[in-house]
Structures are given as C-alpha cells and as structure tokens.
Amino acid sequence: MTIKNIAVLTSGGDAPGMNAAIRAVVLAAHHYALPTIGFFSGYNGLIEASSTLLTPASVNGIIHRGGTILKSARCPAMLTEQGLKSAAATLRKEQIDALIVIGGDGSFNGLLALNKYWSGAIIGIPGTIDNDIDGTDFTIGFSTAVNTGIEAIDKIRDTAEAFERIFIVEVMGRRSGHITFNVGIASAAEQILSFENFSQADEQEKLSHLAKEIKQAQHNRHASYIIVIAENLWPGGAVQLAKQLKQTANIDCTACILGYIQRGGSPVAKDRILATKMGVAAVQALIAGKSNVMIGERNNQLLTVPLDVAVQHKEKVSESLVSAQENILGLTAQ
C-alpha cells in the first residue's frame, strides 16, 4: 500500500511525553511529504469526525508540555460494531491510509478491532505511565511518573521524619507493579506492597507482618516509616489498610493517595527522547509497508512488535527489583 495521508490520535489515560510523540510523527511525516491529520479526544474524534491538519507549526513548542494537544478520552462506543463502523467510515471519508495511535493496551485493542472494518495500515506507540505493554522495556510517560512519585514521597518523608509518623502512599499503575517497585526502591520505602509480592489470600498474614515490622521500627527509634502500595491491590486501598492497622494493632497511619498527579507535568528527558524516537520510527515503519505492529524498544534498540502480542500482559516486574525489596528494604526496619 502506498501511504499518502497519515492520521494520529492519543487514546486512554494521558501520559507525559504524548506531545513529544505527536511532534515526532508530524515532523517525520512532513520530512517524507506526507500530510498528517490529528483526531481529537481519542477514538471519539474518529466517530465524530473531529480533526485538524497538523503541520510543523502546529507542534512547535510542545515537546515539554504534559497532557496531549489532541486531548484523550475513553471511548465505550469502540466496543460496539456501530462505533467501529463509524470510525472506519470517517477514515475512508478523510482518505486516510494509515493510523498511528499513541496509548496503552485498551487503545491497541481498539486499533485491532478497527482494522476488521478498515483496510488501512495501523501502528501503535506505547504511551502509558503503567509500563504494562509487552515487547518494550519502557513506555512513554513511565519515567516521568516514577520521578513524580519519588519527588512526592521525598516531601512526605520530611513530614514523616518531623512528626515520627507512618505514611501509606498509594501510587498508580492499574494492575502493574512497575511504578510501585521503582518508586518504592528509589524513595527508600520501608515496605512495598504490589501484585508481585501480595495476594489477597494472604491479607491477614501480611497485616500482621506489617504491624510487627512497624512496631519493631518504632522500638528502634526509626523516626519515619513509609509504605508504598499499588492501587487496586489492597481491598479498600491505602485508606482501608490504615484503618486495619489502627483497629488490629493500634498503629496510627496516614494514607496518602498520589493519584492523577503522576499523569501530569512536563516529561523528563528520557520520555521526550523515547517519544521522539518512537514517533519517527512509526512513520518509517509505515513507509516500509509495516502494519499491525507497535513500536517498542529493547536494550536501546527500536523494534516492531505485533499488536496482539503487545497486549498480552505476560511481562512482569523484574525479579531483581522484587529481590531488592526483599533483601534490602526489609533491613531498614531493623
């Protein structure tokens, strides 16, 4: 297929670096004399035919900005046949030959579903703070989210030290522990609770263990104590865990949910560079005739990964990180 017109959209949860990826796609396409159409608000823009022509001037000065100039959104309509047909009809009407989607696994699944109703080329660029896409070492936005979490906990640590308090800090990540372990280790958290080292079947045992560790730390005059916990892990989250520690062991804890602060802010250099490389690679992959793939990076080498492989969630947090938590962080309570 000869590519004459490219479209790009950002879908799902926003991630720092999405703008850098948009910029790279537009500039690379311009280099190859390919017009680029940007659709607004994720797949909703396809269904509603809401778009704009993107030029080098459109993306000037956006590499450092968080969020996405194309906006993003969830799109339940893409789970229906009518929604998919409407999106495909828009692509045909606009004479789009290739669609690049920057997003996570839900966005990629939408792209795969769309391809059943539209014959154009499709490319995915992994943009999600969760880092839960298979086939790539890192996703766009992950590094910034980790840095944001570290900065927040460093500040929380100051208060924890001053008042000799225990804080339970809940971080994002959906069902992945990448943010939890990276933030927890880098901020020297006394405990890390994530999907890789916790099962709800072990809730009471873990609760008892935490209480014992905290009391030992208090006995040893450990001024502050930070527990980093993954969202969607503990039933009721950080707030409920704090209540249970109070009820079962008379331990006062302060719950702090970082939430959406991790999705915003200016992307760090690593995310800007990764997004730029992936954006350019996506356009080059289309010119080379590739489709149904995601752009990934392994060991600093760009590669293409089948989209259906990228969304399988087989890759987990590095065992070395889990081991570090078990063998090093546990010593801080002693």
Protein backbone atom coordinates (compact mmCIF):
# COMPACT_ATOMS: atom_id res chain seq x y z
CA MET A 1 0.00 0.00 0.00
CA THR A 2 1.24 3.47 -0.87
CA ILE A 3 0.88 5.84 2.07
CA LYS A 4 -0.37 9.30 1.12
CA ASN A 5 -2.16 10.52 4.24
CA ILE A 6 -1.44 9.73 7.89
CA ALA A 7 -3.68 10.20 10.91
CA VAL A 8 -2.67 10.24 14.57
CA LEU A 9 -4.60 10.24 17.84
CA THR A 10 -3.93 9.83 21.56
CA SER A 11 -6.20 7.49 23.47
CA GLY A 12 -6.87 6.32 27.02
CA GLY A 13 -5.05 7.75 30.03
CA ASP A 14 -2.76 10.64 29.19
CA ALA A 15 0.97 10.23 29.77
CA PRO A 16 3.82 12.77 29.87
CA GLY A 17 5.57 12.59 26.52
CA MET A 18 2.49 12.11 24.34
CA ASN A 19 3.01 15.59 22.89
CA ALA A 20 6.62 14.74 22.11
CA ALA A 21 5.39 11.66 20.21
CA ILE A 22 2.82 13.71 18.27
CA ARG A 23 5.53 16.21 17.35
CA ALA A 24 7.84 13.46 16.13
CA VAL A 25 5.13 11.86 13.99
CA VAL A 26 4.22 15.18 12.37
CA LEU A 27 7.80 16.25 11.69
CA ALA A 28 8.79 12.84 10.34
CA ALA A 29 5.73 12.73 8.10
CA HIS A 30 6.49 16.25 6.88
CA HIS A 31 10.02 15.12 6.04
CA TYR A 32 8.53 12.46 3.77
CA ALA A 33 5.96 14.92 2.34
CA LEU A 34 3.03 13.14 4.00
CA PRO A 35 0.11 15.22 5.33
CA THR A 36 -0.90 14.37 8.91
CA ILE A 37 -4.40 14.64 10.32
CA GLY A 38 -4.87 14.71 14.08
CA PHE A 39 -8.12 13.40 15.56
CA PHE A 40 -9.33 14.87 18.85
CA SER A 41 -10.33 13.09 22.06
CA GLY A 42 -9.10 9.64 21.16
CA TYR A 43 -11.36 7.38 19.15
CA ASN A 44 -14.24 9.75 19.82
CA GLY A 45 -12.66 12.02 17.24
CA LEU A 46 -12.90 9.27 14.65
CA ILE A 47 -16.54 8.57 15.41
CA GLU A 48 -17.46 12.26 15.50
CA ALA A 49 -15.16 13.24 12.60
CA SER A 50 -13.40 15.85 14.75
CA SER A 51 -9.96 16.52 13.34
CA THR A 52 -7.37 19.07 12.31
CA LEU A 53 -4.46 19.26 9.89
CA LEU A 54 -1.19 19.05 11.81
CA THR A 55 1.80 20.94 10.44
CA PRO A 56 5.29 21.61 11.82
CA ALA A 57 3.93 24.93 13.10
CA SER A 58 1.17 23.04 14.97
CA VAL A 59 3.70 21.11 17.02
CA ASN A 60 6.22 23.86 17.64
CA GLY A 61 6.94 24.29 21.33
CA ILE A 62 5.03 21.27 22.63
CA ILE A 63 7.80 18.77 23.40
CA HIS A 64 7.99 19.92 27.02
CA ARG A 65 4.26 20.03 27.67
CA GLY A 66 2.37 17.38 29.63
CA GLY A 67 -1.00 16.05 28.52
CA THR A 68 -1.78 15.97 24.82
CA ILE A 69 -2.72 18.72 22.39
CA LEU A 70 -5.08 16.26 20.71
CA LYS A 71 -6.83 15.53 24.03
CA SER A 72 -7.60 12.00 25.12
CA ALA A 73 -10.60 10.03 26.32
CA ARG A 74 -12.07 6.61 26.87
CA CYS A 75 -14.45 5.58 24.11
CA PRO A 76 -17.06 2.94 25.04
CA ALA A 77 -18.50 3.22 21.53
CA MET A 78 -15.40 1.46 20.18
CA LEU A 79 -16.61 -1.67 21.95
CA THR A 80 -19.63 -1.75 19.63
CA GLU A 81 -19.92 -2.69 15.99
CA GLN A 82 -21.66 0.58 15.17
CA GLY A 83 -18.87 2.60 16.77
CA LEU A 84 -16.21 0.72 14.85
CA LYS A 85 -18.09 1.16 11.58
CA SER A 86 -18.48 4.90 12.21
CA ALA A 87 -14.75 5.25 12.92
CA ALA A 88 -13.87 3.32 9.78
CA ALA A 89 -16.25 5.44 7.72
CA THR A 90 -14.51 8.61 8.90
CA LEU A 91 -11.11 7.25 7.94
CA ARG A 92 -12.37 6.37 4.46
CA LYS A 93 -14.06 9.74 4.03
CA GLU A 94 -10.88 11.58 5.02
CA GLN A 95 -8.88 9.30 2.68
CA ILE A 96 -6.58 8.21 5.49
CA ASP A 97 -4.16 5.45 4.50
CA ALA A 98 -2.52 4.87 7.90
CA LEU A 99 -3.46 5.46 11.52
CA ILE A 100 -0.99 5.87 14.38
CA VAL A 101 -2.41 5.51 17.89
CA ILE A 102 -0.49 6.60 20.97
CA GLY A 103 -1.84 4.85 24.05
CA GLY A 104 -1.95 1.71 26.14
CA ASP A 105 -3.39 -1.78 25.78
CA GLY A 106 -7.01 -0.65 25.59
CA SER A 107 -6.11 1.72 22.79
CA PHE A 108 -4.26 -1.04 20.96
CA ASN A 109 -7.19 -3.42 21.31
CA GLY A 110 -9.37 -0.72 19.80
CA LEU A 111 -6.91 -0.41 16.93
CA LEU A 112 -7.01 -4.16 16.29
CA ALA A 113 -10.82 -4.15 16.35
CA LEU A 114 -10.96 -1.19 13.97
CA ASN A 115 -8.75 -2.96 11.47
CA LYS A 116 -11.53 -5.51 10.91
CA TYR A 117 -13.66 -2.75 9.39
CA TRP A 118 -10.95 -0.67 7.71
CA SER A 119 -8.13 -1.83 5.46
CA GLY A 120 -5.58 0.90 6.20
CA ALA A 121 -2.25 0.42 7.94
CA ILE A 122 -2.15 0.64 11.74
CA ILE A 123 0.75 1.37 14.09
CA GLY A 124 0.77 1.65 17.88
CA ILE A 125 3.08 3.78 20.01
CA PRO A 126 3.09 2.75 23.71
CA GLY A 127 2.07 5.80 25.75
CA THR A 128 1.06 4.88 29.31
CA ILE A 129 2.58 5.58 32.72
CA ASP A 130 1.85 1.98 33.79
CA ASN A 131 4.64 0.44 31.68
CA ASP A 132 2.41 -2.62 31.23
CA ILE A 133 2.87 -3.20 27.49
CA ASP A 134 4.73 -6.30 26.33
CA GLY A 135 7.61 -6.04 23.88
CA THR A 136 9.18 -2.82 25.08
CA ASP A 137 11.41 -2.05 28.05
CA PHE A 138 9.66 1.24 28.73
CA THR A 139 6.51 3.05 27.70
CA ILE A 140 6.22 6.80 27.17
CA GLY A 141 5.35 8.51 30.43
CA PHE A 142 6.60 5.84 32.82
CA SER A 143 9.88 7.55 33.71
CA THR A 144 8.16 10.86 34.43
CA ALA A 145 5.51 9.17 36.58
CA VAL A 146 8.21 7.43 38.61
CA ASN A 147 10.09 10.70 39.10
CA THR A 148 6.88 12.43 40.18
CA GLY A 149 6.21 9.69 42.71
CA ILE A 150 9.74 9.91 44.09
CA GLU A 151 9.55 13.70 44.44
CA ALA A 152 6.22 13.42 46.26
CA ILE A 153 7.47 10.78 48.69
CA ASP A 154 10.66 12.73 49.36
CA LYS A 155 8.44 15.58 50.55
CA ILE A 156 6.21 13.22 52.54
CA ARG A 157 9.33 11.79 54.16
CA ASP A 158 10.21 15.25 55.53
CA THR A 159 6.89 15.42 57.36
CA ALA A 160 7.12 11.80 58.43
CA GLU A 161 10.56 12.44 59.94
CA ALA A 162 9.48 15.66 61.65
CA PHE A 163 6.45 14.07 63.33
CA GLU A 164 7.73 10.48 63.53
CA ARG A 165 4.77 9.29 61.52
CA ILE A 166 3.85 6.33 59.36
CA PHE A 167 2.61 7.06 55.87
CA ILE A 168 0.94 4.65 53.45
CA VAL A 169 1.44 6.09 49.97
CA GLU A 170 -0.73 4.69 47.17
CA VAL A 171 0.65 5.01 43.64
CA MET A 172 -0.93 4.40 40.24
CA GLY A 173 -0.20 1.54 37.86
CA ARG A 174 -3.56 -0.15 37.36
CA ARG A 175 -2.68 -3.88 37.64
CA SER A 176 1.06 -3.46 37.19
CA GLY A 177 3.66 -3.01 39.90
CA HIS A 178 6.31 -1.24 37.81
CA ILE A 179 5.65 2.20 39.30
CA THR A 180 5.24 0.77 42.80
CA PHE A 181 8.56 -1.03 42.89
CA ASN A 182 10.57 1.65 41.11
CA VAL A 183 9.16 4.44 43.28
CA GLY A 184 9.39 2.39 46.45
CA ILE A 185 13.02 1.40 45.97
CA ALA A 186 14.16 4.84 44.78
CA SER A 187 12.49 6.56 47.74
CA ALA A 188 13.88 4.04 50.26
CA ALA A 189 10.42 2.97 51.39
CA GLU A 190 10.41 0.64 54.37
CA GLN A 191 7.75 -1.57 52.76
CA ILE A 192 6.49 -2.13 49.21
CA LEU A 193 3.18 -3.86 48.56
CA SER A 194 2.38 -4.82 44.98
CA PHE A 195 0.90 -7.60 42.88
CA GLU A 196 4.25 -9.36 42.74
CA ASN A 197 4.56 -9.87 46.50
CA PHE A 198 1.00 -9.81 47.78
CA SER A 199 -2.12 -11.95 47.42
CA GLN A 200 -5.48 -11.13 48.96
CA ALA A 201 -5.49 -14.63 50.37
CA ASP A 202 -2.50 -13.55 52.48
CA GLU A 203 -4.13 -10.31 53.68
CA GLN A 204 -4.26 -11.16 57.38
CA GLU A 205 -0.76 -12.60 57.39
CA LYS A 206 0.60 -9.51 55.61
CA LEU A 207 -1.29 -7.23 58.00
CA SER A 208 0.26 -9.00 60.98
CA HIS A 209 3.71 -8.82 59.39
CA LEU A 210 3.37 -5.08 58.72
CA ALA A 211 2.27 -4.41 62.28
CA LYS A 212 5.23 -6.37 63.65
CA GLU A 213 7.71 -4.56 61.38
CA ILE A 214 6.30 -1.13 62.23
CA LYS A 215 6.38 -1.77 65.98
CA GLN A 216 9.97 -3.01 65.71
CA ALA A 217 10.93 0.13 63.81
CA GLN A 218 9.26 2.31 66.44
CA HIS A 219 11.09 0.41 69.17
CA ASN A 220 14.37 1.10 67.37
CA ARG A 221 13.52 4.82 67.22
CA HIS A 222 13.06 4.74 63.45
CA ALA A 223 11.66 8.26 63.05
CA SER A 224 9.64 7.75 59.87
CA TYR A 225 8.10 4.78 58.09
CA ILE A 226 6.88 4.77 54.50
CA ILE A 227 4.79 2.02 52.93
CA VAL A 228 4.34 2.27 49.16
CA ILE A 229 1.30 0.37 47.91
CA ALA A 230 -0.07 -0.25 44.42
CA GLU A 231 -3.55 0.93 43.59
CA ASN A 232 -6.18 -1.81 43.11
CA LEU A 233 -4.15 -4.11 45.38
CA TRP A 234 -5.38 -3.95 48.96
CA PRO A 235 -9.17 -4.17 49.36
CA GLY A 236 -10.19 -0.59 50.11
CA GLY A 237 -6.75 0.77 49.24
CA ALA A 238 -4.38 2.74 51.44
CA VAL A 239 -7.20 4.23 53.49
CA GLN A 240 -8.55 0.81 54.45
CA LEU A 241 -5.08 -0.52 55.24
CA ALA A 242 -4.54 2.42 57.60
CA LYS A 243 -7.85 1.66 59.33
CA GLN A 244 -6.99 -2.01 59.72
CA LEU A 245 -3.59 -1.27 61.25
CA LYS A 246 -5.29 1.02 63.74
CA GLN A 247 -8.01 -1.50 64.58
CA THR A 248 -5.81 -4.59 64.84
CA ALA A 249 -2.55 -3.18 66.23
CA ASN A 250 -3.38 0.33 67.46
CA ILE A 251 -0.94 1.78 64.94
CA ASP A 252 -1.71 5.26 63.63
CA CYS A 253 -1.02 5.65 59.91
CA THR A 254 -1.66 8.44 57.45
CA ALA A 255 -2.92 7.39 54.00
CA CYS A 256 -1.78 9.47 51.04
CA ILE A 257 -3.09 8.73 47.54
CA LEU A 258 -0.92 10.32 44.85
CA GLY A 259 -3.44 9.65 42.09
CA TYR A 260 -3.52 11.74 38.94
CA ILE A 261 -0.56 13.90 39.89
CA GLN A 262 1.54 11.10 38.38
CA ARG A 263 -0.02 11.53 34.95
CA GLY A 264 0.70 15.24 34.62
CA GLY A 265 3.68 17.51 34.40
CA SER A 266 6.49 18.15 31.97
CA PRO A 267 8.05 14.91 30.68
CA VAL A 268 11.58 14.13 31.77
CA ALA A 269 14.35 13.87 29.18
CA LYS A 270 14.05 10.07 28.95
CA ASP A 271 10.38 10.26 27.97
CA ARG A 272 10.96 13.09 25.48
CA ILE A 273 13.74 11.15 23.77
CA LEU A 274 11.85 7.84 23.78
CA ALA A 275 8.72 9.50 22.37
CA THR A 276 10.73 11.22 19.64
CA LYS A 277 12.46 8.02 18.57
CA MET A 278 9.21 6.05 18.57
CA GLY A 279 7.30 8.73 16.65
CA VAL A 280 9.87 8.82 13.88
CA ALA A 281 10.11 5.02 13.82
CA ALA A 282 6.31 4.74 13.45
CA VAL A 283 6.31 6.85 10.28
CA GLN A 284 9.31 4.99 8.89
CA ALA A 285 7.60 1.66 9.60
CA LEU A 286 4.55 2.77 7.62
CA ILE A 287 6.72 3.82 4.68
CA ALA A 288 8.41 0.41 4.85
CA GLY A 289 5.00 -1.23 4.47
CA LYS A 290 4.55 -2.43 8.02
CA SER A 291 1.19 -2.62 9.77
CA ASN A 292 -0.49 -4.21 12.81
CA VAL A 293 2.60 -3.54 14.89
CA MET A 294 3.69 -1.48 17.86
CA ILE A 295 6.96 0.40 18.04
CA GLY A 296 8.98 -0.83 21.01
CA GLU A 297 12.48 -0.50 22.38
CA ARG A 298 14.65 -3.26 23.80
CA ASN A 299 18.17 -2.60 25.09
CA ASN A 300 18.13 0.83 23.41
CA GLN A 301 17.23 -0.73 20.07
CA LEU A 302 13.97 0.13 18.32
CA LEU A 303 11.89 -2.76 17.00
CA THR A 304 8.37 -3.63 15.90
CA VAL A 305 6.12 -5.91 17.96
CA PRO A 306 2.86 -7.46 16.73
CA LEU A 307 -0.02 -5.55 18.31
CA ASP A 308 -1.73 -8.70 19.53
CA VAL A 309 1.48 -9.68 21.33
CA ALA A 310 1.92 -6.25 22.91
CA VAL A 311 -1.39 -6.50 24.81
CA GLN A 312 -0.94 -9.93 26.39
CA HIS A 313 0.42 -8.72 29.76
CA LYS A 314 2.89 -11.57 30.08
CA GLU A 315 5.86 -9.43 31.10
CA LYS A 316 6.10 -8.67 34.79
CA VAL A 317 8.20 -6.53 37.10
CA SER A 318 11.86 -7.52 37.04
CA GLU A 319 12.66 -10.21 39.59
CA SER A 320 15.75 -8.21 40.57
CA LEU A 321 13.52 -5.37 41.78
CA VAL A 322 11.37 -7.72 43.83
CA SER A 323 14.50 -9.34 45.22
CA ALA A 324 15.96 -5.94 46.12
CA GLN A 325 12.85 -5.13 48.11
CA GLU A 326 13.00 -8.43 49.94
CA ASN A 327 16.73 -8.38 50.71
CA ILE A 328 17.45 -4.71 51.27
CA LEU A 329 14.38 -2.71 52.19
CA GLY A 330 13.36 -5.15 54.89
CA LEU A 331 16.58 -4.30 56.72
CA THR A 332 15.51 -0.68 57.23
CA ALA A 333 13.06 -1.67 59.95
CA GLN A 334 15.79 -3.36 61.99
